[in-house]
Amino acid sequence: MMMMVQKDEGLCNSLLELDAIMQEKKHLISQLEEFTLSGTIESKQALLRSLQTEESSLLEQECNLKLKREQLKKAVDAYSNLEQGSQVNSVKPGSSSQSKTTDKTVRKRGARK
């Protein structure tokens, strides 16, 4: 009988140890899941911060490029206006082919009358 009691106690102790180990295992699993989730959240937040910084940089670059585009448009317009002004000044009245044609037409009409 003594032997059975010892076996029962040994079995009972083993079952208690097994139960304690199972509880610890469950606790470790829940901690691992918590760390995994918090790590995921932290990595997502870090990624979000990185993307926001990149977006800010890209918006600044876009603004700078728009300013450059406007400056280039103004420069092209100014050059175009300058070029048109020099063409008008280089053509003297009465020396253009158009004014010669007009003069001939007016002379012909005057001769008919």
PDB file of N, CA and C in Angstrom:
ATOM      1  N   MET A   1       0.806  -1.187   0.000  1.00  0.00           N
ATOM      2  CA  MET A   1       0.000   0.000   0.000  1.00  0.00           C
ATOM      3  C   MET A   1       0.856   1.260   0.000  1.00  0.00           C
ATOM      4  N   MET A   2       1.918   1.177   0.718  1.00  0.00           N
ATOM      5  CA  MET A   2       2.814   2.309   0.782  1.00  0.00           C
ATOM      6  C   MET A   2       3.361   2.672  -0.592  1.00  0.00           C
ATOM      7  N   MET A   3       3.579   1.648  -1.362  1.00  0.00           N
ATOM      8  CA  MET A   3       4.114   1.856  -2.689  1.00  0.00           C
ATOM      9  C   MET A   3       3.089   2.536  -3.580  1.00  0.00           C
ATOM     10  N   MET A   4       1.852   2.172  -3.422  1.00  0.00           N
ATOM     11  CA  MET A   4       0.803   2.797  -4.216  1.00  0.00           C
ATOM     12  C   MET A   4       0.643   4.250  -3.843  1.00  0.00           C
ATOM     13  N   VAL A   5       0.771   4.528  -2.564  1.00  0.00           N
ATOM     14  CA  VAL A   5       0.645   5.914  -2.115  1.00  0.00           C
ATOM     15  C   VAL A   5       1.789   6.738  -2.696  1.00  0.00           C
ATOM     16  N   GLN A   6       2.990   6.154  -2.710  1.00  0.00           N
ATOM     17  CA  GLN A   6       4.129   6.870  -3.269  1.00  0.00           C
ATOM     18  C   GLN A   6       3.939   7.092  -4.770  1.00  0.00           C
ATOM     19  N   LYS A   7       3.414   6.087  -5.458  1.00  0.00           N
ATOM     20  CA  LYS A   7       3.167   6.237  -6.884  1.00  0.00           C
ATOM     21  C   LYS A   7       2.099   7.287  -7.118  1.00  0.00           C
ATOM     22  N   ASP A   8       1.056   7.260  -6.303  1.00  0.00           N
ATOM     23  CA  ASP A   8      -0.007   8.256  -6.440  1.00  0.00           C
ATOM     24  C   ASP A   8       0.537   9.655  -6.179  1.00  0.00           C
ATOM     25  N   GLU A   9       1.415   9.777  -5.153  1.00  0.00           N
ATOM     26  CA  GLU A   9       2.006  11.085  -4.866  1.00  0.00           C
ATOM     27  C   GLU A   9       2.914  11.525  -6.006  1.00  0.00           C
ATOM     28  N   GLY A  10       3.682  10.596  -6.526  1.00  0.00           N
ATOM     29  CA  GLY A  10       4.573  10.908  -7.659  1.00  0.00           C
ATOM     30  C   GLY A  10       3.779  11.332  -8.878  1.00  0.00           C
ATOM     31  N   LEU A  11       2.700  10.594  -9.121  1.00  0.00           N
ATOM     32  CA  LEU A  11       1.834  10.931 -10.245  1.00  0.00           C
ATOM     33  C   LEU A  11       1.193  12.285 -10.035  1.00  0.00           C
ATOM     34  N   CYS A  12       0.738  12.512  -8.830  1.00  0.00           N
ATOM     35  CA  CYS A  12       0.099  13.791  -8.505  1.00  0.00           C
ATOM     36  C   CYS A  12       1.095  14.932  -8.658  1.00  0.00           C
ATOM     37  N   ASN A  13       2.319  14.740  -8.159  1.00  0.00           N
ATOM     38  CA  ASN A  13       3.344  15.783  -8.288  1.00  0.00           C
ATOM     39  C   ASN A  13       3.685  16.041  -9.760  1.00  0.00           C
ATOM     40  N   SER A  14       3.776  14.966 -10.524  1.00  0.00           N
ATOM     41  CA  SER A  14       4.066  15.109 -11.958  1.00  0.00           C
ATOM     42  C   SER A  14       2.953  15.863 -12.665  1.00  0.00           C
ATOM     43  N   LEU A  15       1.711  15.530 -12.295  1.00  0.00           N
ATOM     44  CA  LEU A  15       0.577  16.233 -12.898  1.00  0.00           C
ATOM     45  C   LEU A  15       0.575  17.710 -12.518  1.00  0.00           C
ATOM     46  N   LEU A  16       0.917  18.005 -11.263  1.00  0.00           N
ATOM     47  CA  LEU A  16       0.990  19.403 -10.831  1.00  0.00           C
ATOM     48  C   LEU A  16       2.093  20.153 -11.586  1.00  0.00           C
ATOM     49  N   GLU A  17       3.242  19.491 -11.739  1.00  0.00           N
ATOM     50  CA  GLU A  17       4.338  20.110 -12.490  1.00  0.00           C
ATOM     51  C   GLU A  17       3.937  20.337 -13.942  1.00  0.00           C
ATOM     52  N   LEU A  18       3.276  19.337 -14.516  1.00  0.00           N
ATOM     53  CA  LEU A  18       2.820  19.451 -15.895  1.00  0.00           C
ATOM     54  C   LEU A  18       1.834  20.604 -16.041  1.00  0.00           C
ATOM     55  N   ASP A  19       0.927  20.714 -15.093  1.00  0.00           N
ATOM     56  CA  ASP A  19      -0.045  21.803 -15.112  1.00  0.00           C
ATOM     57  C   ASP A  19       0.659  23.161 -15.010  1.00  0.00           C
ATOM     58  N   ALA A  20       1.644  23.259 -14.119  1.00  0.00           N
ATOM     59  CA  ALA A  20       2.390  24.511 -13.958  1.00  0.00           C
ATOM     60  C   ALA A  20       3.138  24.861 -15.247  1.00  0.00           C
ATOM     61  N   ILE A  21       3.724  23.840 -15.863  1.00  0.00           N
ATOM     62  CA  ILE A  21       4.452  24.068 -17.122  1.00  0.00           C
ATOM     63  C   ILE A  21       3.491  24.507 -18.229  1.00  0.00           C
ATOM     64  N   MET A  22       2.318  23.896 -18.279  1.00  0.00           N
ATOM     65  CA  MET A  22       1.318  24.273 -19.290  1.00  0.00           C
ATOM     66  C   MET A  22       0.864  25.724 -19.090  1.00  0.00           C
ATOM     67  N   GLN A  23       0.657  26.112 -17.821  1.00  0.00           N
ATOM     68  CA  GLN A  23       0.268  27.493 -17.532  1.00  0.00           C
ATOM     69  C   GLN A  23       1.371  28.470 -17.961  1.00  0.00           C
ATOM     70  N   GLU A  24       2.606  28.110 -17.661  1.00  0.00           N
ATOM     71  CA  GLU A  24       3.733  28.968 -18.044  1.00  0.00           C
ATOM     72  C   GLU A  24       3.838  29.064 -19.568  1.00  0.00           C
ATOM     73  N   LYS A  25       3.597  27.932 -20.235  1.00  0.00           N
ATOM     74  CA  LYS A  25       3.638  27.918 -21.696  1.00  0.00           C
ATOM     75  C   LYS A  25       2.574  28.849 -22.269  1.00  0.00           C
ATOM     76  N   LYS A  26       1.356  28.787 -21.725  1.00  0.00           N
ATOM     77  CA  LYS A  26       0.280  29.672 -22.179  1.00  0.00           C
ATOM     78  C   LYS A  26       0.649  31.132 -21.959  1.00  0.00           C
ATOM     79  N   HIS A  27       1.238  31.403 -20.800  1.00  0.00           N
ATOM     80  CA  HIS A  27       1.644  32.769 -20.478  1.00  0.00           C
ATOM     81  C   HIS A  27       2.713  33.257 -21.471  1.00  0.00           C
ATOM     82  N   LEU A  28       3.676  32.400 -21.769  1.00  0.00           N
ATOM     83  CA  LEU A  28       4.731  32.767 -22.717  1.00  0.00           C
ATOM     84  C   LEU A  28       4.177  32.983 -24.128  1.00  0.00           C
ATOM     85  N   ILE A  29       3.219  32.145 -24.508  1.00  0.00           N
ATOM     86  CA  ILE A  29       2.586  32.305 -25.823  1.00  0.00           C
ATOM     87  C   ILE A  29       1.861  33.644 -25.906  1.00  0.00           C
ATOM     88  N   SER A  30       1.120  33.993 -24.856  1.00  0.00           N
ATOM     89  CA  SER A  30       0.400  35.271 -24.875  1.00  0.00           C
ATOM     90  C   SER A  30       1.381  36.447 -24.890  1.00  0.00           C
ATOM     91  N   GLN A  31       2.499  36.329 -24.159  1.00  0.00           N
ATOM     92  CA  GLN A  31       3.513  37.390 -24.183  1.00  0.00           C
ATOM     93  C   GLN A  31       4.128  37.520 -25.578  1.00  0.00           C
ATOM     94  N   LEU A  32       4.404  36.395 -26.186  1.00  0.00           N
ATOM     95  CA  LEU A  32       4.984  36.394 -27.527  1.00  0.00           C
ATOM     96  C   LEU A  32       4.039  37.063 -28.522  1.00  0.00           C
ATOM     97  N   GLU A  33       2.757  36.720 -28.443  1.00  0.00           N
ATOM     98  CA  GLU A  33       1.771  37.347 -29.321  1.00  0.00           C
ATOM     99  C   GLU A  33       1.709  38.850 -29.083  1.00  0.00           C
ATOM    100  N   GLU A  34       1.748  39.252 -27.821  1.00  0.00           N
ATOM    101  CA  GLU A  34       1.710  40.672 -27.474  1.00  0.00           C
ATOM    102  C   GLU A  34       2.931  41.398 -28.039  1.00  0.00           C
ATOM    103  N   PHE A  35       4.105  40.791 -27.879  1.00  0.00           N
ATOM    104  CA  PHE A  35       5.324  41.401 -28.408  1.00  0.00           C
ATOM    105  C   PHE A  35       5.290  41.474 -29.931  1.00  0.00           C
ATOM    106  N   THR A  36       4.768  40.431 -30.541  1.00  0.00           N
ATOM    107  CA  THR A  36       4.673  40.419 -32.001  1.00  0.00           C
ATOM    108  C   THR A  36       3.760  41.531 -32.477  1.00  0.00           C
ATOM    109  N   LEU A  37       2.604  41.674 -31.839  1.00  0.00           N
ATOM    110  CA  LEU A  37       1.669  42.725 -32.227  1.00  0.00           C
ATOM    111  C   LEU A  37       2.246  44.102 -31.976  1.00  0.00           C
ATOM    112  N   SER A  38       2.845  44.304 -30.804  1.00  0.00           N
ATOM    113  CA  SER A  38       3.400  45.626 -30.502  1.00  0.00           C
ATOM    114  C   SER A  38       4.573  45.925 -31.419  1.00  0.00           C
ATOM    115  N   GLY A  39       5.362  44.915 -31.750  1.00  0.00           N
ATOM    116  CA  GLY A  39       6.462  45.104 -32.699  1.00  0.00           C
ATOM    117  C   GLY A  39       5.944  45.484 -34.064  1.00  0.00           C
ATOM    118  N   THR A  40       4.861  44.860 -34.467  1.00  0.00           N
ATOM    119  CA  THR A  40       4.252  45.175 -35.748  1.00  0.00           C
ATOM    120  C   THR A  40       3.729  46.600 -35.743  1.00  0.00           C
ATOM    121  N   ILE A  41       3.081  46.986 -34.670  1.00  0.00           N
ATOM    122  CA  ILE A  41       2.553  48.346 -34.561  1.00  0.00           C
ATOM    123  C   ILE A  41       3.694  49.352 -34.588  1.00  0.00           C
ATOM    124  N   GLU A  42       4.762  49.062 -33.827  1.00  0.00           N
ATOM    125  CA  GLU A  42       5.900  49.976 -33.797  1.00  0.00           C
ATOM    126  C   GLU A  42       6.561  50.081 -35.163  1.00  0.00           C
ATOM    127  N   SER A  43       6.689  48.959 -35.849  1.00  0.00           N
ATOM    128  CA  SER A  43       7.312  49.007 -37.175  1.00  0.00           C
ATOM    129  C   SER A  43       6.419  49.754 -38.160  1.00  0.00           C
ATOM    130  N   LYS A  44       5.111  49.580 -38.032  1.00  0.00           N
ATOM    131  CA  LYS A  44       4.191  50.314 -38.903  1.00  0.00           C
ATOM    132  C   LYS A  44       4.257  51.806 -38.611  1.00  0.00           C
ATOM    133  N   GLN A  45       4.359  52.167 -37.332  1.00  0.00           N
ATOM    134  CA  GLN A  45       4.473  53.579 -36.981  1.00  0.00           C
ATOM    135  C   GLN A  45       5.778  54.167 -37.511  1.00  0.00           C
ATOM    136  N   ALA A  46       6.858  53.412 -37.420  1.00  0.00           N
ATOM    137  CA  ALA A  46       8.143  53.875 -37.947  1.00  0.00           C
ATOM    138  C   ALA A  46       8.061  54.044 -39.462  1.00  0.00           C
ATOM    139  N   LEU A  47       7.418  53.089 -40.126  1.00  0.00           N
ATOM    140  CA  LEU A  47       7.241  53.178 -41.565  1.00  0.00           C
ATOM    141  C   LEU A  47       6.377  54.381 -41.925  1.00  0.00           C
ATOM    142  N   LEU A  48       5.325  54.612 -41.161  1.00  0.00           N
ATOM    143  CA  LEU A  48       4.455  55.752 -41.395  1.00  0.00           C
ATOM    144  C   LEU A  48       5.231  57.057 -41.253  1.00  0.00           C
ATOM    145  N   ARG A  49       6.046  57.172 -40.202  1.00  0.00           N
ATOM    146  CA  ARG A  49       6.864  58.384 -40.015  1.00  0.00           C
ATOM    147  C   ARG A  49       7.815  58.578 -41.191  1.00  0.00           C
ATOM    148  N   SER A  50       8.404  57.494 -41.635  1.00  0.00           N
ATOM    149  CA  SER A  50       9.326  57.561 -42.771  1.00  0.00           C
ATOM    150  C   SER A  50       8.602  58.031 -44.032  1.00  0.00           C
ATOM    151  N   LEU A  51       7.423  57.480 -44.269  1.00  0.00           N
ATOM    152  CA  LEU A  51       6.645  57.869 -45.443  1.00  0.00           C
ATOM    153  C   LEU A  51       6.187  59.321 -45.358  1.00  0.00           C
ATOM    154  N   GLN A  52       5.825  59.782 -44.169  1.00  0.00           N
ATOM    155  CA  GLN A  52       5.418  61.172 -43.999  1.00  0.00           C
ATOM    156  C   GLN A  52       6.589  62.116 -44.271  1.00  0.00           C
ATOM    157  N   THR A  53       7.770  61.733 -43.825  1.00  0.00           N
ATOM    158  CA  THR A  53       8.960  62.542 -44.082  1.00  0.00           C
ATOM    159  C   THR A  53       9.245  62.596 -45.579  1.00  0.00           C
ATOM    160  N   GLU A  54       9.127  61.456 -46.230  1.00  0.00           N
ATOM    161  CA  GLU A  54       9.355  61.397 -47.678  1.00  0.00           C
ATOM    162  C   GLU A  54       8.317  62.230 -48.422  1.00  0.00           C
ATOM    163  N   GLU A  55       7.057  62.164 -47.973  1.00  0.00           N
ATOM    164  CA  GLU A  55       5.999  62.949 -48.599  1.00  0.00           C
ATOM    165  C   GLU A  55       6.293  64.433 -48.464  1.00  0.00           C
ATOM    166  N   SER A  56       6.714  64.845 -47.285  1.00  0.00           N
ATOM    167  CA  SER A  56       7.045  66.243 -47.049  1.00  0.00           C
ATOM    168  C   SER A  56       8.169  66.698 -47.971  1.00  0.00           C
ATOM    169  N   SER A  57       9.168  65.868 -48.110  1.00  0.00           N
ATOM    170  CA  SER A  57      10.296  66.179 -48.991  1.00  0.00           C
ATOM    171  C   SER A  57       9.834  66.297 -50.442  1.00  0.00           C
ATOM    172  N   LEU A  58       8.977  65.375 -50.865  1.00  0.00           N
ATOM    173  CA  LEU A  58       8.475  65.404 -52.238  1.00  0.00           C
ATOM    174  C   LEU A  58       7.599  66.628 -52.492  1.00  0.00           C
ATOM    175  N   LEU A  59       6.799  67.021 -51.504  1.00  0.00           N
ATOM    176  CA  LEU A  59       5.979  68.221 -51.653  1.00  0.00           C
ATOM    177  C   LEU A  59       6.855  69.461 -51.782  1.00  0.00           C
ATOM    178  N   GLU A  60       7.931  69.505 -51.023  1.00  0.00           N
ATOM    179  CA  GLU A  60       8.863  70.630 -51.106  1.00  0.00           C
ATOM    180  C   GLU A  60       9.532  70.668 -52.483  1.00  0.00           C
ATOM    181  N   GLN A  61       9.929  69.502 -52.977  1.00  0.00           N
ATOM    182  CA  GLN A  61      10.535  69.430 -54.309  1.00  0.00           C
ATOM    183  C   GLN A  61       9.540  69.863 -55.381  1.00  0.00           C
ATOM    184  N   GLU A  62       8.274  69.445 -55.218  1.00  0.00           N
ATOM    185  CA  GLU A  62       7.240  69.830 -56.175  1.00  0.00           C
ATOM    186  C   GLU A  62       7.072  71.342 -56.192  1.00  0.00           C
ATOM    187  N   CYS A  63       7.047  71.945 -55.017  1.00  0.00           N
ATOM    188  CA  CYS A  63       6.901  73.394 -54.911  1.00  0.00           C
ATOM    189  C   CYS A  63       8.078  74.100 -55.591  1.00  0.00           C
ATOM    190  N   ASN A  64       9.289  73.617 -55.337  1.00  0.00           N
ATOM    191  CA  ASN A  64      10.476  74.209 -55.959  1.00  0.00           C
ATOM    192  C   ASN A  64      10.432  74.075 -57.478  1.00  0.00           C
ATOM    193  N   LEU A  65       9.982  72.917 -57.959  1.00  0.00           N
ATOM    194  CA  LEU A  65       9.892  72.712 -59.403  1.00  0.00           C
ATOM    195  C   LEU A  65       8.833  73.616 -60.035  1.00  0.00           C
ATOM    196  N   LYS A  66       7.734  73.834 -59.339  1.00  0.00           N
ATOM    197  CA  LYS A  66       6.704  74.742 -59.853  1.00  0.00           C
ATOM    198  C   LYS A  66       7.243  76.160 -59.947  1.00  0.00           C
ATOM    199  N   LEU A  67       8.005  76.580 -58.928  1.00  0.00           N
ATOM    200  CA  LEU A  67       8.607  77.914 -58.967  1.00  0.00           C
ATOM    201  C   LEU A  67       9.585  78.035 -60.135  1.00  0.00           C
ATOM    202  N   LYS A  68      10.401  77.028 -60.336  1.00  0.00           N
ATOM    203  CA  LYS A  68      11.348  77.047 -61.458  1.00  0.00           C
ATOM    204  C   LYS A  68      10.610  77.104 -62.786  1.00  0.00           C
ATOM    205  N   ARG A  69       9.511  76.338 -62.888  1.00  0.00           N
ATOM    206  CA  ARG A  69       8.725  76.336 -64.118  1.00  0.00           C
ATOM    207  C   ARG A  69       8.181  77.729 -64.408  1.00  0.00           C
ATOM    208  N   GLU A  70       7.664  78.393 -63.378  1.00  0.00           N
ATOM    209  CA  GLU A  70       7.137  79.746 -63.552  1.00  0.00           C
ATOM    210  C   GLU A  70       8.239  80.715 -63.962  1.00  0.00           C
ATOM    211  N   GLN A  71       9.413  80.571 -63.340  1.00  0.00           N
ATOM    212  CA  GLN A  71      10.536  81.437 -63.699  1.00  0.00           C
ATOM    213  C   GLN A  71      10.955  81.208 -65.147  1.00  0.00           C
ATOM    214  N   LEU A  72      10.974  79.942 -65.565  1.00  0.00           N
ATOM    215  CA  LEU A  72      11.337  79.638 -66.950  1.00  0.00           C
ATOM    216  C   LEU A  72      10.294  80.166 -67.929  1.00  0.00           C
ATOM    217  N   LYS A  73       9.017  80.067 -67.570  1.00  0.00           N
ATOM    218  CA  LYS A  73       7.964  80.612 -68.431  1.00  0.00           C
ATOM    219  C   LYS A  73       8.153  82.108 -68.604  1.00  0.00           C
ATOM    220  N   LYS A  74       8.425  82.801 -67.486  1.00  0.00           N
ATOM    221  CA  LYS A  74       8.635  84.250 -67.549  1.00  0.00           C
ATOM    222  C   LYS A  74       9.850  84.585 -68.399  1.00  0.00           C
ATOM    223  N   ALA A  75      10.916  83.806 -68.251  1.00  0.00           N
ATOM    224  CA  ALA A  75      12.124  84.053 -69.040  1.00  0.00           C
ATOM    225  C   ALA A  75      11.858  83.832 -70.528  1.00  0.00           C
ATOM    226  N   VAL A  76      11.122  82.770 -70.860  1.00  0.00           N
ATOM    227  CA  VAL A  76      10.791  82.496 -72.262  1.00  0.00           C
ATOM    228  C   VAL A  76       9.898  83.597 -72.818  1.00  0.00           C
ATOM    229  N   ASP A  77       8.906  84.029 -72.041  1.00  0.00           N
ATOM    230  CA  ASP A  77       8.031  85.117 -72.481  1.00  0.00           C
ATOM    231  C   ASP A  77       8.823  86.401 -72.692  1.00  0.00           C
ATOM    232  N   ALA A  78       9.719  86.707 -71.763  1.00  0.00           N
ATOM    233  CA  ALA A  78      10.533  87.918 -71.881  1.00  0.00           C
ATOM    234  C   ALA A  78      11.416  87.833 -73.120  1.00  0.00           C
ATOM    235  N   TYR A  79      12.017  86.682 -73.357  1.00  0.00           N
ATOM    236  CA  TYR A  79      12.861  86.500 -74.541  1.00  0.00           C
ATOM    237  C   TYR A  79      12.032  86.621 -75.814  1.00  0.00           C
ATOM    238  N   SER A  80      10.848  86.023 -75.791  1.00  0.00           N
ATOM    239  CA  SER A  80       9.962  86.081 -76.951  1.00  0.00           C
ATOM    240  C   SER A  80       9.552  87.522 -77.236  1.00  0.00           C
ATOM    241  N   ASN A  81       9.200  88.258 -76.189  1.00  0.00           N
ATOM    242  CA  ASN A  81       8.825  89.664 -76.351  1.00  0.00           C
ATOM    243  C   ASN A  81      10.000  90.481 -76.860  1.00  0.00           C
ATOM    244  N   LEU A  82      11.182  90.210 -76.342  1.00  0.00           N
ATOM    245  CA  LEU A  82      12.380  90.914 -76.773  1.00  0.00           C
ATOM    246  C   LEU A  82      12.663  90.617 -78.240  1.00  0.00           C
ATOM    247  N   GLU A  83      12.511  89.365 -78.626  1.00  0.00           N
ATOM    248  CA  GLU A  83      12.749  88.957 -80.010  1.00  0.00           C
ATOM    249  C   GLU A  83      11.737  89.605 -80.943  1.00  0.00           C
ATOM    250  N   GLN A  84      10.482  89.663 -80.540  1.00  0.00           N
ATOM    251  CA  GLN A  84       9.454  90.300 -81.357  1.00  0.00           C
ATOM    252  C   GLN A  84       9.724  91.793 -81.482  1.00  0.00           C
ATOM    253  N   GLY A  85      10.155  92.403 -80.393  1.00  0.00           N
ATOM    254  CA  GLY A  85      10.479  93.828 -80.418  1.00  0.00           C
ATOM    255  C   GLY A  85      11.640  94.123 -81.349  1.00  0.00           C
ATOM    256  N   SER A  86      12.639  93.274 -81.381  1.00  0.00           N
ATOM    257  CA  SER A  86      13.788  93.499 -82.260  1.00  0.00           C
ATOM    258  C   SER A  86      13.400  93.273 -83.715  1.00  0.00           C
ATOM    259  N   GLN A  87      12.473  92.373 -83.993  1.00  0.00           N
ATOM    260  CA  GLN A  87      12.014  92.153 -85.365  1.00  0.00           C
ATOM    261  C   GLN A  87      11.225  93.357 -85.857  1.00  0.00           C
ATOM    262  N   VAL A  88      10.395  93.936 -85.010  1.00  0.00           N
ATOM    263  CA  VAL A  88       9.606  95.104 -85.386  1.00  0.00           C
ATOM    264  C   VAL A  88      10.533  96.275 -85.651  1.00  0.00           C
ATOM    265  N   ASN A  89      11.553  96.445 -84.835  1.00  0.00           N
ATOM    266  CA  ASN A  89      12.487  97.551 -85.005  1.00  0.00           C
ATOM    267  C   ASN A  89      13.380  97.362 -86.225  1.00  0.00           C
ATOM    268  N   SER A  90      13.707  96.134 -86.593  1.00  0.00           N
ATOM    269  CA  SER A  90      14.585  95.892 -87.737  1.00  0.00           C
ATOM    270  C   SER A  90      13.857  96.073 -89.064  1.00  0.00           C
ATOM    271  N   VAL A  91      12.545  95.956 -89.095  1.00  0.00           N
ATOM    272  CA  VAL A  91      11.770  96.146 -90.317  1.00  0.00           C
ATOM    273  C   VAL A  91      11.361  97.608 -90.388  1.00  0.00           C
ATOM    274  N   LYS A  92      11.887  98.316 -91.399  1.00  0.00           N
ATOM    275  CA  LYS A  92      11.582  99.744 -91.545  1.00  0.00           C
ATOM    276  C   LYS A  92      10.324  99.891 -92.378  1.00  0.00           C
ATOM    277  N   PRO A  93       9.540 100.907 -92.081  1.00  0.00           N
ATOM    278  CA  PRO A  93       8.320 101.113 -92.873  1.00  0.00           C
ATOM    279  C   PRO A  93       8.676 101.365 -94.339  1.00  0.00           C
ATOM    280  N   GLY A  94       7.944 100.740 -95.199  1.00  0.00           N
ATOM    281  CA  GLY A  94       8.157 100.920 -96.623  1.00  0.00           C
ATOM    282  C   GLY A  94       9.208  99.995 -97.196  1.00  0.00           C
ATOM    283  N   SER A  95       9.948  99.285 -96.363  1.00  0.00           N
ATOM    284  CA  SER A  95      10.982  98.395 -96.883  1.00  0.00           C
ATOM    285  C   SER A  95      10.542  96.942 -96.866  1.00  0.00           C
ATOM    286  N   SER A  96       9.435  96.652 -96.251  1.00  0.00           N
ATOM    287  CA  SER A  96       8.988  95.264 -96.197  1.00  0.00           C
ATOM    288  C   SER A  96       8.326  94.887 -97.504  1.00  0.00           C
ATOM    289  N   SER A  97       8.295  93.627 -97.778  1.00  0.00           N
ATOM    290  CA  SER A  97       7.670  93.151 -99.009  1.00  0.00           C
ATOM    291  C   SER A  97       6.176  93.424 -98.980  1.00  0.00           C
ATOM    292  N   GLN A  98       5.591  93.411 -97.802  1.00  0.00           N
ATOM    293  CA  GLN A  98       4.152  93.651 -97.692  1.00  0.00           C
ATOM    294  C   GLN A  98       3.838  95.100 -98.051  1.00  0.00           C
ATOM    295  N   SER A  99       4.621  96.035 -97.555  1.00  0.00           N
ATOM    296  CA  SER A  99       4.326  97.433 -97.852  1.00  0.00           C
ATOM    297  C   SER A  99       4.598  97.738 -99.320  1.00  0.00           C
ATOM    298  N   LYS A 100       5.571  97.077 -99.978  1.00  0.00           N
ATOM    299  CA  LYS A 100       5.820  97.269-101.404  1.00  0.00           C
ATOM    300  C   LYS A 100       4.634  96.783-102.208  1.00  0.00           C
ATOM    301  N   THR A 101       4.087  95.636-101.821  1.00  0.00           N
ATOM    302  CA  THR A 101       2.920  95.101-102.512  1.00  0.00           C
ATOM    303  C   THR A 101       1.745  96.042-102.348  1.00  0.00           C
ATOM    304  N   THR A 102       1.571  96.578-101.164  1.00  0.00           N
ATOM    305  CA  THR A 102       0.482  97.515-100.901  1.00  0.00           C
ATOM    306  C   THR A 102       0.660  98.767-101.739  1.00  0.00           C
ATOM    307  N   ASP A 103       1.879  99.267-101.838  1.00  0.00           N
ATOM    308  CA  ASP A 103       2.136 100.465-102.638  1.00  0.00           C
ATOM    309  C   ASP A 103       1.792 100.225-104.105  1.00  0.00           C
ATOM    310  N   LYS A 104       2.182  99.062-104.652  1.00  0.00           N
ATOM    311  CA  LYS A 104       1.895  98.745-106.048  1.00  0.00           C
ATOM    312  C   LYS A 104       0.396  98.672-106.280  1.00  0.00           C
ATOM    313  N   THR A 105      -0.336  98.058-105.343  1.00  0.00           N
ATOM    314  CA  THR A 105      -1.783  97.934-105.478  1.00  0.00           C
ATOM    315  C   THR A 105      -2.430  99.303-105.463  1.00  0.00           C
ATOM    316  N   VAL A 106      -1.970 100.164-104.590  1.00  0.00           N
ATOM    317  CA  VAL A 106      -2.541 101.510-104.501  1.00  0.00           C
ATOM    318  C   VAL A 106      -2.235 102.279-105.775  1.00  0.00           C
ATOM    319  N   ARG A 107      -1.043 102.167-106.332  1.00  0.00           N
ATOM    320  CA  ARG A 107      -0.675 102.866-107.570  1.00  0.00           C
ATOM    321  C   ARG A 107      -1.533 102.388-108.741  1.00  0.00           C
ATOM    322  N   LYS A 108      -1.759 101.057-108.799  1.00  0.00           N
ATOM    323  CA  LYS A 108      -2.558 100.521-109.888  1.00  0.00           C
ATOM    324  C   LYS A 108      -3.983 101.028-109.802  1.00  0.00           C
ATOM    325  N   ARG A 109      -4.528 101.084-108.622  1.00  0.00           N
ATOM    326  CA  ARG A 109      -5.896 101.575-108.450  1.00  0.00           C
ATOM    327  C   ARG A 109      -5.966 103.057-108.814  1.00  0.00           C
ATOM    328  N   GLY A 110      -4.945 103.782-108.437  1.00  0.00           N
ATOM    329  CA  GLY A 110      -4.922 105.219-108.743  1.00  0.00           C
ATOM    330  C   GLY A 110      -4.821 105.463-110.234  1.00  0.00           C
ATOM    331  N   ALA A 111      -4.124 104.621-110.946  1.00  0.00           N
ATOM    332  CA  ALA A 111      -3.953 104.778-112.384  1.00  0.00           C
ATOM    333  C   ALA A 111      -5.240 104.460-113.121  1.00  0.00           C
ATOM    334  N   ARG A 112      -6.056 103.581-112.605  1.00  0.00           N
ATOM    335  CA  ARG A 112      -7.308 103.202-113.255  1.00  0.00           C
ATOM    336  C   ARG A 112      -8.322 104.323-113.183  1.00  0.00           C
ATOM    337  N   LYS A 113      -8.298 105.080-112.129  1.00  0.00           N
ATOM    338  CA  LYS A 113      -9.308 106.123-111.947  1.00  0.00           C
ATOM    339  C   LYS A 113      -9.009 107.255-112.806  1.00  0.00           C
TER     340      LYS A 113
END
